Amino acid sequence: MTELCLYGIKACDTMKKARSWLDAQGLSYRFHDYKAAGIDRASLEQWCDEHGWDKVLNRAGTTFRKLADEQKADLDQARAIELMLAQPSMIKRPLLDLGERTLLGFKPELYAAALA
């Protein structure tokens, strides 16, 4: 199996749950912190192609809600990617890279099934 990589930010409660779950299963993974390391366009494009930009862009978060209305209007994949590159905390988290595919968000049963 390819090395797992968990993308997100340290302070997020859902991230903490995902990390605790992975640790409890004894799974090794690399943690990529958006706040510290940023994110590259190619990864975002791949995730948007896989899940849909509307799922990858976290509209429920404070960072997105604080945007001016004109920044939130008429969004498409290209504009959503620009927003997420500028402010990675707008990327839904966690995102677990399994190598051949990714899991978006954290649900213990989905992680268990994917990693069985």
PDB file of N, CA and C in Angstrom:
ATOM      1  N   MET A   1       0.851  -1.194   0.000  1.00  0.00           N
ATOM      2  CA  MET A   1       0.000   0.000   0.000  1.00  0.00           C
ATOM      3  C   MET A   1       0.889   1.248   0.000  1.00  0.00           C
ATOM      4  N   THR A   2       0.483   2.253  -0.760  1.00  0.00           N
ATOM      5  CA  THR A   2       1.168   3.538  -0.788  1.00  0.00           C
ATOM      6  C   THR A   2       1.082   4.172   0.602  1.00  0.00           C
ATOM      7  N   GLU A   3       2.050   5.015   0.926  1.00  0.00           N
ATOM      8  CA  GLU A   3       1.973   5.715   2.210  1.00  0.00           C
ATOM      9  C   GLU A   3       0.731   6.589   2.222  1.00  0.00           C
ATOM     10  N   LEU A   4      -0.028   6.484   3.292  1.00  0.00           N
ATOM     11  CA  LEU A   4      -1.216   7.318   3.451  1.00  0.00           C
ATOM     12  C   LEU A   4      -0.771   8.740   3.762  1.00  0.00           C
ATOM     13  N   CYS A   5      -1.528   9.699   3.249  1.00  0.00           N
ATOM     14  CA  CYS A   5      -1.270  11.095   3.592  1.00  0.00           C
ATOM     15  C   CYS A   5      -2.587  11.732   3.986  1.00  0.00           C
ATOM     16  N   LEU A   6      -2.606  12.329   5.153  1.00  0.00           N
ATOM     17  CA  LEU A   6      -3.792  12.999   5.666  1.00  0.00           C
ATOM     18  C   LEU A   6      -3.575  14.504   5.535  1.00  0.00           C
ATOM     19  N   TYR A   7      -4.472  15.143   4.790  1.00  0.00           N
ATOM     20  CA  TYR A   7      -4.384  16.586   4.551  1.00  0.00           C
ATOM     21  C   TYR A   7      -5.395  17.313   5.422  1.00  0.00           C
ATOM     22  N   GLY A   8      -4.968  18.443   5.986  1.00  0.00           N
ATOM     23  CA  GLY A   8      -5.883  19.253   6.781  1.00  0.00           C
ATOM     24  C   GLY A   8      -5.138  20.288   7.584  1.00  0.00           C
ATOM     25  N   ILE A   9      -5.768  20.722   8.679  1.00  0.00           N
ATOM     26  CA  ILE A   9      -5.126  21.665   9.588  1.00  0.00           C
ATOM     27  C   ILE A   9      -5.189  21.097  11.006  1.00  0.00           C
ATOM     28  N   LYS A  10      -4.168  21.393  11.785  1.00  0.00           N
ATOM     29  CA  LYS A  10      -4.029  20.790  13.121  1.00  0.00           C
ATOM     30  C   LYS A  10      -5.196  21.068  14.050  1.00  0.00           C
ATOM     31  N   ALA A  11      -5.696  22.292  14.061  1.00  0.00           N
ATOM     32  CA  ALA A  11      -6.665  22.700  15.078  1.00  0.00           C
ATOM     33  C   ALA A  11      -8.084  22.189  14.850  1.00  0.00           C
ATOM     34  N   CYS A  12      -8.368  21.621  13.702  1.00  0.00           N
ATOM     35  CA  CYS A  12      -9.719  21.187  13.361  1.00  0.00           C
ATOM     36  C   CYS A  12     -10.140  19.954  14.174  1.00  0.00           C
ATOM     37  N   ASP A  13     -11.325  19.985  14.773  1.00  0.00           N
ATOM     38  CA  ASP A  13     -11.811  18.860  15.585  1.00  0.00           C
ATOM     39  C   ASP A  13     -11.975  17.586  14.762  1.00  0.00           C
ATOM     40  N   THR A  14     -12.486  17.703  13.538  1.00  0.00           N
ATOM     41  CA  THR A  14     -12.672  16.524  12.692  1.00  0.00           C
ATOM     42  C   THR A  14     -11.318  15.922  12.333  1.00  0.00           C
ATOM     43  N   MET A  15     -10.327  16.778  12.137  1.00  0.00           N
ATOM     44  CA  MET A  15      -8.962  16.292  11.864  1.00  0.00           C
ATOM     45  C   MET A  15      -8.458  15.479  13.051  1.00  0.00           C
ATOM     46  N   LYS A  16      -8.699  15.983  14.258  1.00  0.00           N
ATOM     47  CA  LYS A  16      -8.238  15.288  15.460  1.00  0.00           C
ATOM     48  C   LYS A  16      -8.884  13.909  15.548  1.00  0.00           C
ATOM     49  N   LYS A  17     -10.175  13.823  15.196  1.00  0.00           N
ATOM     50  CA  LYS A  17     -10.874  12.526  15.222  1.00  0.00           C
ATOM     51  C   LYS A  17     -10.256  11.570  14.203  1.00  0.00           C
ATOM     52  N   ALA A  18      -9.989  12.067  13.009  1.00  0.00           N
ATOM     53  CA  ALA A  18      -9.406  11.222  11.956  1.00  0.00           C
ATOM     54  C   ALA A  18      -8.015  10.735  12.372  1.00  0.00           C
ATOM     55  N   ARG A  19      -7.220  11.630  12.909  1.00  0.00           N
ATOM     56  CA  ARG A  19      -5.867  11.252  13.336  1.00  0.00           C
ATOM     57  C   ARG A  19      -5.910  10.234  14.473  1.00  0.00           C
ATOM     58  N   SER A  20      -6.823  10.437  15.422  1.00  0.00           N
ATOM     59  CA  SER A  20      -6.965   9.489  16.534  1.00  0.00           C
ATOM     60  C   SER A  20      -7.397   8.120  16.016  1.00  0.00           C
ATOM     61  N   TRP A  21      -8.322   8.105  15.049  1.00  0.00           N
ATOM     62  CA  TRP A  21      -8.793   6.841  14.476  1.00  0.00           C
ATOM     63  C   TRP A  21      -7.644   6.108  13.792  1.00  0.00           C
ATOM     64  N   LEU A  22      -6.887   6.825  12.952  1.00  0.00           N
ATOM     65  CA  LEU A  22      -5.750   6.208  12.250  1.00  0.00           C
ATOM     66  C   LEU A  22      -4.725   5.672  13.249  1.00  0.00           C
ATOM     67  N   ASP A  23      -4.450   6.467  14.291  1.00  0.00           N
ATOM     68  CA  ASP A  23      -3.492   6.049  15.321  1.00  0.00           C
ATOM     69  C   ASP A  23      -3.986   4.794  16.045  1.00  0.00           C
ATOM     70  N   ALA A  24      -5.286   4.770  16.366  1.00  0.00           N
ATOM     71  CA  ALA A  24      -5.857   3.620  17.082  1.00  0.00           C
ATOM     72  C   ALA A  24      -5.786   2.335  16.245  1.00  0.00           C
ATOM     73  N   GLN A  25      -5.821   2.487  14.916  1.00  0.00           N
ATOM     74  CA  GLN A  25      -5.722   1.319  14.031  1.00  0.00           C
ATOM     75  C   GLN A  25      -4.267   0.909  13.798  1.00  0.00           C
ATOM     76  N   GLY A  26      -3.335   1.700  14.335  1.00  0.00           N
ATOM     77  CA  GLY A  26      -1.918   1.403  14.147  1.00  0.00           C
ATOM     78  C   GLY A  26      -1.444   1.683  12.726  1.00  0.00           C
ATOM     79  N   LEU A  27      -2.142   2.575  12.029  1.00  0.00           N
ATOM     80  CA  LEU A  27      -1.778   2.896  10.640  1.00  0.00           C
ATOM     81  C   LEU A  27      -0.803   4.064  10.614  1.00  0.00           C
ATOM     82  N   SER A  28       0.251   3.926   9.825  1.00  0.00           N
ATOM     83  CA  SER A  28       1.182   5.044   9.710  1.00  0.00           C
ATOM     84  C   SER A  28       0.742   5.917   8.546  1.00  0.00           C
ATOM     85  N   TYR A  29       0.900   7.196   8.713  1.00  0.00           N
ATOM     86  CA  TYR A  29       0.498   8.168   7.698  1.00  0.00           C
ATOM     87  C   TYR A  29       1.337   9.426   7.863  1.00  0.00           C
ATOM     88  N   ARG A  30       1.385  10.168   6.793  1.00  0.00           N
ATOM     89  CA  ARG A  30       2.057  11.468   6.806  1.00  0.00           C
ATOM     90  C   ARG A  30       0.964  12.507   6.959  1.00  0.00           C
ATOM     91  N   PHE A  31       1.212  13.538   7.771  1.00  0.00           N
ATOM     92  CA  PHE A  31       0.242  14.620   7.945  1.00  0.00           C
ATOM     93  C   PHE A  31       0.710  15.847   7.176  1.00  0.00           C
ATOM     94  N   HIS A  32      -0.125  16.341   6.288  1.00  0.00           N
ATOM     95  CA  HIS A  32       0.188  17.543   5.516  1.00  0.00           C
ATOM     96  C   HIS A  32      -0.703  18.668   6.036  1.00  0.00           C
ATOM     97  N   ASP A  33      -0.079  19.636   6.684  1.00  0.00           N
ATOM     98  CA  ASP A  33      -0.805  20.768   7.265  1.00  0.00           C
ATOM     99  C   ASP A  33      -0.879  21.908   6.253  1.00  0.00           C
ATOM    100  N   TYR A  34      -2.098  22.203   5.804  1.00  0.00           N
ATOM    101  CA  TYR A  34      -2.294  23.295   4.827  1.00  0.00           C
ATOM    102  C   TYR A  34      -1.757  24.624   5.336  1.00  0.00           C
ATOM    103  N   LYS A  35      -1.952  24.876   6.634  1.00  0.00           N
ATOM    104  CA  LYS A  35      -1.540  26.165   7.196  1.00  0.00           C
ATOM    105  C   LYS A  35      -0.023  26.332   7.094  1.00  0.00           C
ATOM    106  N   ALA A  36       0.713  25.252   7.349  1.00  0.00           N
ATOM    107  CA  ALA A  36       2.171  25.315   7.344  1.00  0.00           C
ATOM    108  C   ALA A  36       2.753  25.102   5.950  1.00  0.00           C
ATOM    109  N   ALA A  37       2.206  24.146   5.193  1.00  0.00           N
ATOM    110  CA  ALA A  37       2.828  23.739   3.931  1.00  0.00           C
ATOM    111  C   ALA A  37       2.074  24.199   2.688  1.00  0.00           C
ATOM    112  N   GLY A  38       0.870  24.774   2.854  1.00  0.00           N
ATOM    113  CA  GLY A  38       0.091  25.179   1.690  1.00  0.00           C
ATOM    114  C   GLY A  38      -0.385  23.966   0.907  1.00  0.00           C
ATOM    115  N   ILE A  39      -0.816  24.215  -0.330  1.00  0.00           N
ATOM    116  CA  ILE A  39      -1.270  23.123  -1.190  1.00  0.00           C
ATOM    117  C   ILE A  39      -0.973  23.521  -2.633  1.00  0.00           C
ATOM    118  N   ASP A  40      -0.750  22.526  -3.475  1.00  0.00           N
ATOM    119  CA  ASP A  40      -0.426  22.826  -4.867  1.00  0.00           C
ATOM    120  C   ASP A  40      -1.673  22.704  -5.754  1.00  0.00           C
ATOM    121  N   ARG A  41      -1.666  23.427  -6.851  1.00  0.00           N
ATOM    122  CA  ARG A  41      -2.784  23.461  -7.785  1.00  0.00           C
ATOM    123  C   ARG A  41      -3.111  22.062  -8.327  1.00  0.00           C
ATOM    124  N   ALA A  42      -2.087  21.270  -8.651  1.00  0.00           N
ATOM    125  CA  ALA A  42      -2.313  19.942  -9.232  1.00  0.00           C
ATOM    126  C   ALA A  42      -3.121  19.050  -8.282  1.00  0.00           C
ATOM    127  N   SER A  43      -2.808  19.082  -6.997  1.00  0.00           N
ATOM    128  CA  SER A  43      -3.566  18.283  -6.023  1.00  0.00           C
ATOM    129  C   SER A  43      -5.016  18.746  -5.968  1.00  0.00           C
ATOM    130  N   LEU A  44      -5.217  20.055  -5.889  1.00  0.00           N
ATOM    131  CA  LEU A  44      -6.581  20.583  -5.839  1.00  0.00           C
ATOM    132  C   LEU A  44      -7.367  20.203  -7.084  1.00  0.00           C
ATOM    133  N   GLU A  45      -6.747  20.317  -8.247  1.00  0.00           N
ATOM    134  CA  GLU A  45      -7.435  19.968  -9.492  1.00  0.00           C
ATOM    135  C   GLU A  45      -7.812  18.491  -9.495  1.00  0.00           C
ATOM    136  N   GLN A  46      -6.897  17.638  -9.038  1.00  0.00           N
ATOM    137  CA  GLN A  46      -7.164  16.201  -8.978  1.00  0.00           C
ATOM    138  C   GLN A  46      -8.340  15.911  -8.041  1.00  0.00           C
ATOM    139  N   TRP A  47      -8.333  16.531  -6.858  1.00  0.00           N
ATOM    140  CA  TRP A  47      -9.412  16.298  -5.887  1.00  0.00           C
ATOM    141  C   TRP A  47     -10.752  16.807  -6.415  1.00  0.00           C
ATOM    142  N   CYS A  48     -10.729  17.963  -7.080  1.00  0.00           N
ATOM    143  CA  CYS A  48     -11.970  18.518  -7.643  1.00  0.00           C
ATOM    144  C   CYS A  48     -12.497  17.615  -8.765  1.00  0.00           C
ATOM    145  N   ASP A  49     -11.597  17.065  -9.568  1.00  0.00           N
ATOM    146  CA  ASP A  49     -12.009  16.133 -10.620  1.00  0.00           C
ATOM    147  C   ASP A  49     -12.609  14.868 -10.003  1.00  0.00           C
ATOM    148  N   GLU A  50     -12.026  14.416  -8.907  1.00  0.00           N
ATOM    149  CA  GLU A  50     -12.487  13.180  -8.268  1.00  0.00           C
ATOM    150  C   GLU A  50     -13.798  13.353  -7.510  1.00  0.00           C
ATOM    151  N   HIS A  51     -13.920  14.442  -6.754  1.00  0.00           N
ATOM    152  CA  HIS A  51     -15.069  14.620  -5.846  1.00  0.00           C
ATOM    153  C   HIS A  51     -16.044  15.700  -6.294  1.00  0.00           C
ATOM    154  N   GLY A  52     -15.605  16.593  -7.175  1.00  0.00           N
ATOM    155  CA  GLY A  52     -16.413  17.768  -7.524  1.00  0.00           C
ATOM    156  C   GLY A  52     -15.955  18.949  -6.690  1.00  0.00           C
ATOM    157  N   TRP A  53     -15.688  20.087  -7.330  1.00  0.00           N
ATOM    158  CA  TRP A  53     -15.170  21.256  -6.598  1.00  0.00           C
ATOM    159  C   TRP A  53     -16.121  21.696  -5.493  1.00  0.00           C
ATOM    160  N   ASP A  54     -17.434  21.494  -5.719  1.00  0.00           N
ATOM    161  CA  ASP A  54     -18.424  21.918  -4.733  1.00  0.00           C
ATOM    162  C   ASP A  54     -18.352  21.099  -3.441  1.00  0.00           C
ATOM    163  N   LYS A  55     -17.754  19.892  -3.511  1.00  0.00           N
ATOM    164  CA  LYS A  55     -17.557  19.081  -2.300  1.00  0.00           C
ATOM    165  C   LYS A  55     -16.218  19.423  -1.639  1.00  0.00           C
ATOM    166  N   VAL A  56     -15.225  19.753  -2.444  1.00  0.00           N
ATOM    167  CA  VAL A  56     -13.883  20.049  -1.919  1.00  0.00           C
ATOM    168  C   VAL A  56     -13.853  21.426  -1.248  1.00  0.00           C
ATOM    169  N   LEU A  57     -14.604  22.372  -1.788  1.00  0.00           N
ATOM    170  CA  LEU A  57     -14.671  23.717  -1.196  1.00  0.00           C
ATOM    171  C   LEU A  57     -15.569  23.677   0.029  1.00  0.00           C
ATOM    172  N   ASN A  58     -15.011  24.032   1.179  1.00  0.00           N
ATOM    173  CA  ASN A  58     -15.757  24.010   2.440  1.00  0.00           C
ATOM    174  C   ASN A  58     -16.507  25.336   2.610  1.00  0.00           C
ATOM    175  N   ARG A  59     -17.754  25.351   2.155  1.00  0.00           N
ATOM    176  CA  ARG A  59     -18.558  26.578   2.264  1.00  0.00           C
ATOM    177  C   ARG A  59     -19.097  26.809   3.666  1.00  0.00           C
ATOM    178  N   ALA A  60     -19.058  25.781   4.511  1.00  0.00           N
ATOM    179  CA  ALA A  60     -19.594  25.903   5.873  1.00  0.00           C
ATOM    180  C   ALA A  60     -18.610  26.588   6.816  1.00  0.00           C
ATOM    181  N   GLY A  61     -17.345  26.631   6.428  1.00  0.00           N
ATOM    182  CA  GLY A  61     -16.319  27.180   7.320  1.00  0.00           C
ATOM    183  C   GLY A  61     -16.345  28.696   7.410  1.00  0.00           C
ATOM    184  N   THR A  62     -15.774  29.194   8.486  1.00  0.00           N
ATOM    185  CA  THR A  62     -15.709  30.636   8.741  1.00  0.00           C
ATOM    186  C   THR A  62     -14.976  31.384   7.633  1.00  0.00           C
ATOM    187  N   THR A  63     -13.887  30.815   7.134  1.00  0.00           N
ATOM    188  CA  THR A  63     -13.081  31.500   6.117  1.00  0.00           C
ATOM    189  C   THR A  63     -13.932  31.809   4.892  1.00  0.00           C
ATOM    190  N   PHE A  64     -14.720  30.836   4.430  1.00  0.00           N
ATOM    191  CA  PHE A  64     -15.572  31.053   3.262  1.00  0.00           C
ATOM    192  C   PHE A  64     -16.677  32.045   3.590  1.00  0.00           C
ATOM    193  N   ARG A  65     -17.291  31.902   4.749  1.00  0.00           N
ATOM    194  CA  ARG A  65     -18.418  32.781   5.107  1.00  0.00           C
ATOM    195  C   ARG A  65     -17.980  34.233   5.236  1.00  0.00           C
ATOM    196  N   LYS A  66     -16.703  34.478   5.559  1.00  0.00           N
ATOM    197  CA  LYS A  66     -16.199  35.846   5.707  1.00  0.00           C
ATOM    198  C   LYS A  66     -15.904  36.524   4.364  1.00  0.00           C
ATOM    199  N   LEU A  67     -15.897  35.758   3.272  1.00  0.00           N
ATOM    200  CA  LEU A  67     -15.615  36.344   1.959  1.00  0.00           C
ATOM    201  C   LEU A  67     -16.682  37.356   1.574  1.00  0.00           C
ATOM    202  N   ALA A  68     -16.291  38.317   0.748  1.00  0.00           N
ATOM    203  CA  ALA A  68     -17.260  39.269   0.206  1.00  0.00           C
ATOM    204  C   ALA A  68     -18.221  38.511  -0.710  1.00  0.00           C
ATOM    205  N   ASP A  69     -19.464  38.988  -0.791  1.00  0.00           N
ATOM    206  CA  ASP A  69     -20.478  38.313  -1.609  1.00  0.00           C
ATOM    207  C   ASP A  69     -20.038  38.124  -3.054  1.00  0.00           C
ATOM    208  N   GLU A  70     -19.326  39.123  -3.600  1.00  0.00           N
ATOM    209  CA  GLU A  70     -18.897  38.991  -5.004  1.00  0.00           C
ATOM    210  C   GLU A  70     -17.864  37.871  -5.183  1.00  0.00           C
ATOM    211  N   GLN A  71     -17.093  37.563  -4.123  1.00  0.00           N
ATOM    212  CA  GLN A  71     -16.134  36.453  -4.204  1.00  0.00           C
ATOM    213  C   GLN A  71     -16.855  35.106  -4.176  1.00  0.00           C
ATOM    214  N   LYS A  72     -18.034  35.076  -3.540  1.00  0.00           N
ATOM    215  CA  LYS A  72     -18.798  33.830  -3.415  1.00  0.00           C
ATOM    216  C   LYS A  72     -19.729  33.608  -4.602  1.00  0.00           C
ATOM    217  N   ALA A  73     -19.975  34.652  -5.379  1.00  0.00           N
ATOM    218  CA  ALA A  73     -20.934  34.564  -6.484  1.00  0.00           C
ATOM    219  C   ALA A  73     -20.306  33.907  -7.713  1.00  0.00           C
ATOM    220  N   ASP A  74     -21.136  33.262  -8.510  1.00  0.00           N
ATOM    221  CA  ASP A  74     -20.716  32.676  -9.797  1.00  0.00           C
ATOM    222  C   ASP A  74     -19.492  31.781  -9.690  1.00  0.00           C
ATOM    223  N   LEU A  75     -19.456  30.950  -8.672  1.00  0.00           N
ATOM    224  CA  LEU A  75     -18.306  30.056  -8.519  1.00  0.00           C
ATOM    225  C   LEU A  75     -18.347  28.935  -9.545  1.00  0.00           C
ATOM    226  N   ASP A  76     -17.159  28.585 -10.024  1.00  0.00           N
ATOM    227  CA  ASP A  76     -16.975  27.402 -10.858  1.00  0.00           C
ATOM    228  C   ASP A  76     -15.688  26.755 -10.372  1.00  0.00           C
ATOM    229  N   GLN A  77     -15.268  25.679 -11.003  1.00  0.00           N
ATOM    230  CA  GLN A  77     -14.081  24.965 -10.505  1.00  0.00           C
ATOM    231  C   GLN A  77     -12.845  25.858 -10.511  1.00  0.00           C
ATOM    232  N   ALA A  78     -12.623  26.595 -11.573  1.00  0.00           N
ATOM    233  CA  ALA A  78     -11.417  27.436 -11.660  1.00  0.00           C
ATOM    234  C   ALA A  78     -11.393  28.483 -10.541  1.00  0.00           C
ATOM    235  N   ARG A  79     -12.523  29.144 -10.302  1.00  0.00           N
ATOM    236  CA  ARG A  79     -12.578  30.176  -9.250  1.00  0.00           C
ATOM    237  C   ARG A  79     -12.470  29.554  -7.860  1.00  0.00           C
ATOM    238  N   ALA A  80     -13.098  28.400  -7.685  1.00  0.00           N
ATOM    239  CA  ALA A  80     -13.022  27.720  -6.381  1.00  0.00           C
ATOM    240  C   ALA A  80     -11.575  27.324  -6.077  1.00  0.00           C
ATOM    241  N   ILE A  81     -10.869  26.832  -7.080  1.00  0.00           N
ATOM    242  CA  ILE A  81      -9.461  26.451  -6.887  1.00  0.00           C
ATOM    243  C   ILE A  81      -8.627  27.674  -6.519  1.00  0.00           C
ATOM    244  N   GLU A  82      -8.861  28.802  -7.163  1.00  0.00           N
ATOM    245  CA  GLU A  82      -8.124  30.028  -6.814  1.00  0.00           C
ATOM    246  C   GLU A  82      -8.369  30.414  -5.352  1.00  0.00           C
ATOM    247  N   LEU A  83      -9.619  30.321  -4.908  1.00  0.00           N
ATOM    248  CA  LEU A  83      -9.942  30.642  -3.512  1.00  0.00           C
ATOM    249  C   LEU A  83      -9.211  29.694  -2.556  1.00  0.00           C
ATOM    250  N   MET A  84      -9.228  28.389  -2.892  1.00  0.00           N
ATOM    251  CA  MET A  84      -8.594  27.400  -2.004  1.00  0.00           C
ATOM    252  C   MET A  84      -7.071  27.523  -2.007  1.00  0.00           C
ATOM    253  N   LEU A  85      -6.481  27.904  -3.151  1.00  0.00           N
ATOM    254  CA  LEU A  85      -5.031  28.133  -3.189  1.00  0.00           C
ATOM    255  C   LEU A  85      -4.665  29.326  -2.315  1.00  0.00           C
ATOM    256  N   ALA A  86      -5.483  30.372  -2.373  1.00  0.00           N
ATOM    257  CA  ALA A  86      -5.206  31.581  -1.600  1.00  0.00           C
ATOM    258  C   ALA A  86      -5.427  31.338  -0.102  1.00  0.00           C
ATOM    259  N   GLN A  87      -6.438  30.538   0.231  1.00  0.00           N
ATOM    260  CA  GLN A  87      -6.763  30.287   1.636  1.00  0.00           C
ATOM    261  C   GLN A  87      -7.096  28.805   1.812  1.00  0.00           C
ATOM    262  N   PRO A  88      -6.069  27.979   2.029  1.00  0.00           N
ATOM    263  CA  PRO A  88      -6.266  26.530   2.109  1.00  0.00           C
ATOM    264  C   PRO A  88      -7.231  26.074   3.205  1.00  0.00           C
ATOM    265  N   SER A  89      -7.516  26.927   4.183  1.00  0.00           N
ATOM    266  CA  SER A  89      -8.469  26.507   5.211  1.00  0.00           C
ATOM    267  C   SER A  89      -9.879  26.371   4.637  1.00  0.00           C
ATOM    268  N   MET A  90     -10.079  26.785   3.377  1.00  0.00           N
ATOM    269  CA  MET A  90     -11.373  26.599   2.710  1.00  0.00           C
ATOM    270  C   MET A  90     -11.511  25.209   2.092  1.00  0.00           C
ATOM    271  N   ILE A  91     -10.467  24.377   2.184  1.00  0.00           N
ATOM    272  CA  ILE A  91     -10.534  23.024   1.633  1.00  0.00           C
ATOM    273  C   ILE A  91     -11.191  22.124   2.674  1.00  0.00           C
ATOM    274  N   LYS A  92     -12.191  21.357   2.259  1.00  0.00           N
ATOM    275  CA  LYS A  92     -12.841  20.420   3.177  1.00  0.00           C
ATOM    276  C   LYS A  92     -11.787  19.487   3.750  1.00  0.00           C
ATOM    277  N   ARG A  93     -11.946  19.182   5.006  1.00  0.00           N
ATOM    278  CA  ARG A  93     -10.978  18.329   5.673  1.00  0.00           C
ATOM    279  C   ARG A  93     -11.688  17.351   6.591  1.00  0.00           C
ATOM    280  N   PRO A  94     -11.013  16.279   6.914  1.00  0.00           N
ATOM    281  CA  PRO A  94      -9.737  15.868   6.345  1.00  0.00           C
ATOM    282  C   PRO A  94      -9.895  15.290   4.944  1.00  0.00           C
ATOM    283  N   LEU A  95      -8.784  15.214   4.259  1.00  0.00           N
ATOM    284  CA  LEU A  95      -8.718  14.509   2.986  1.00  0.00           C
ATOM    285  C   LEU A  95      -7.626  13.463   3.152  1.00  0.00           C
ATOM    286  N   LEU A  96      -8.008  12.198   2.992  1.00  0.00           N
ATOM    287  CA  LEU A  96      -7.060  11.101   3.152  1.00  0.00           C
ATOM    288  C   LEU A  96      -6.701  10.561   1.783  1.00  0.00           C
ATOM    289  N   ASP A  97      -5.421  10.664   1.444  1.00  0.00           N
ATOM    290  CA  ASP A  97      -4.928  10.173   0.163  1.00  0.00           C
ATOM    291  C   ASP A  97      -4.502   8.725   0.317  1.00  0.00           C
ATOM    292  N   LEU A  98      -5.213   7.845  -0.400  1.00  0.00           N
ATOM    293  CA  LEU A  98      -4.935   6.402  -0.337  1.00  0.00           C
ATOM    294  C   LEU A  98      -4.011   5.955  -1.458  1.00  0.00           C
ATOM    295  N   GLY A  99      -3.570   6.899  -2.284  1.00  0.00           N
ATOM    296  CA  GLY A  99      -2.734   6.555  -3.432  1.00  0.00           C
ATOM    297  C   GLY A  99      -3.561   6.539  -4.699  1.00  0.00           C
ATOM    298  N   GLU A 100      -4.421   5.524  -4.848  1.00  0.00           N
ATOM    299  CA  GLU A 100      -5.228   5.407  -6.063  1.00  0.00           C
ATOM    300  C   GLU A 100      -6.509   6.239  -5.994  1.00  0.00           C
ATOM    301  N   ARG A 101      -6.892   6.673  -4.800  1.00  0.00           N
ATOM    302  CA  ARG A 101      -8.071   7.534  -4.632  1.00  0.00           C
ATOM    303  C   ARG A 101      -7.981   8.262  -3.304  1.00  0.00           C
ATOM    304  N   THR A 102      -8.929   9.169  -3.068  1.00  0.00           N
ATOM    305  CA  THR A 102      -8.932   9.918  -1.815  1.00  0.00           C
ATOM    306  C   THR A 102     -10.296   9.810  -1.143  1.00  0.00           C
ATOM    307  N   LEU A 103     -10.290   9.995   0.161  1.00  0.00           N
ATOM    308  CA  LEU A 103     -11.525  10.071   0.939  1.00  0.00           C
ATOM    309  C   LEU A 103     -11.646  11.493   1.457  1.00  0.00           C
ATOM    310  N   LEU A 104     -12.817  12.075   1.294  1.00  0.00           N
ATOM    311  CA  LEU A 104     -13.053  13.460   1.708  1.00  0.00           C
ATOM    312  C   LEU A 104     -13.953  13.461   2.932  1.00  0.00           C
ATOM    313  N   GLY A 105     -13.529  14.152   3.987  1.00  0.00           N
ATOM    314  CA  GLY A 105     -14.281  14.151   5.234  1.00  0.00           C
ATOM    315  C   GLY A 105     -13.876  12.938   6.064  1.00  0.00           C
ATOM    316  N   PHE A 106     -14.473  12.796   7.253  1.00  0.00           N
ATOM    317  CA  PHE A 106     -14.133  11.652   8.100  1.00  0.00           C
ATOM    318  C   PHE A 106     -15.388  10.938   8.570  1.00  0.00           C
ATOM    319  N   LYS A 107     -15.490   9.688   8.177  1.00  0.00           N
ATOM    320  CA  LYS A 107     -16.509   8.785   8.694  1.00  0.00           C
ATOM    321  C   LYS A 107     -15.768   7.484   9.004  1.00  0.00           C
ATOM    322  N   PRO A 108     -15.736   7.077  10.278  1.00  0.00           N
ATOM    323  CA  PRO A 108     -14.977   5.878  10.664  1.00  0.00           C
ATOM    324  C   PRO A 108     -15.302   4.660   9.801  1.00  0.00           C
ATOM    325  N   GLU A 109     -16.581   4.470   9.463  1.00  0.00           N
ATOM    326  CA  GLU A 109     -16.948   3.278   8.685  1.00  0.00           C
ATOM    327  C   GLU A 109     -16.393   3.329   7.270  1.00  0.00           C
ATOM    328  N   LEU A 110     -16.289   4.524   6.686  1.00  0.00           N
ATOM    329  CA  LEU A 110     -15.710   4.645   5.341  1.00  0.00           C
ATOM    330  C   LEU A 110     -14.201   4.403   5.385  1.00  0.00           C
ATOM    331  N   TYR A 111     -13.546   4.945   6.411  1.00  0.00           N
ATOM    332  CA  TYR A 111     -12.112   4.708   6.562  1.00  0.00           C
ATOM    333  C   TYR A 111     -11.851   3.212   6.744  1.00  0.00           C
ATOM    334  N   ALA A 112     -12.661   2.565   7.611  1.00  0.00           N
ATOM    335  CA  ALA A 112     -12.472   1.144   7.886  1.00  0.00           C
ATOM    336  C   ALA A 112     -12.638   0.326   6.603  1.00  0.00           C
ATOM    337  N   ALA A 113     -13.662   0.628   5.823  1.00  0.00           N
ATOM    338  CA  ALA A 113     -13.904  -0.119   4.589  1.00  0.00           C
ATOM    339  C   ALA A 113     -12.780   0.108   3.583  1.00  0.00           C
ATOM    340  N   ALA A 114     -12.316   1.342   3.452  1.00  0.00           N
ATOM    341  CA  ALA A 114     -11.278   1.674   2.469  1.00  0.00           C
ATOM    342  C   ALA A 114      -9.930   1.073   2.845  1.00  0.00           C
ATOM    343  N   LEU A 115      -9.691   0.930   4.142  1.00  0.00           N
ATOM    344  CA  LEU A 115      -8.379   0.482   4.599  1.00  0.00           C
ATOM    345  C   LEU A 115      -8.356  -0.988   5.017  1.00  0.00           C
ATOM    346  N   ALA A 116      -9.458  -1.687   4.811  1.00  0.00           N
ATOM    347  CA  ALA A 116      -9.552  -3.107   5.207  1.00  0.00           C
ATOM    348  C   ALA A 116      -8.611  -3.947   4.357  1.00  0.00           C
TER     349      ALA A 116
END
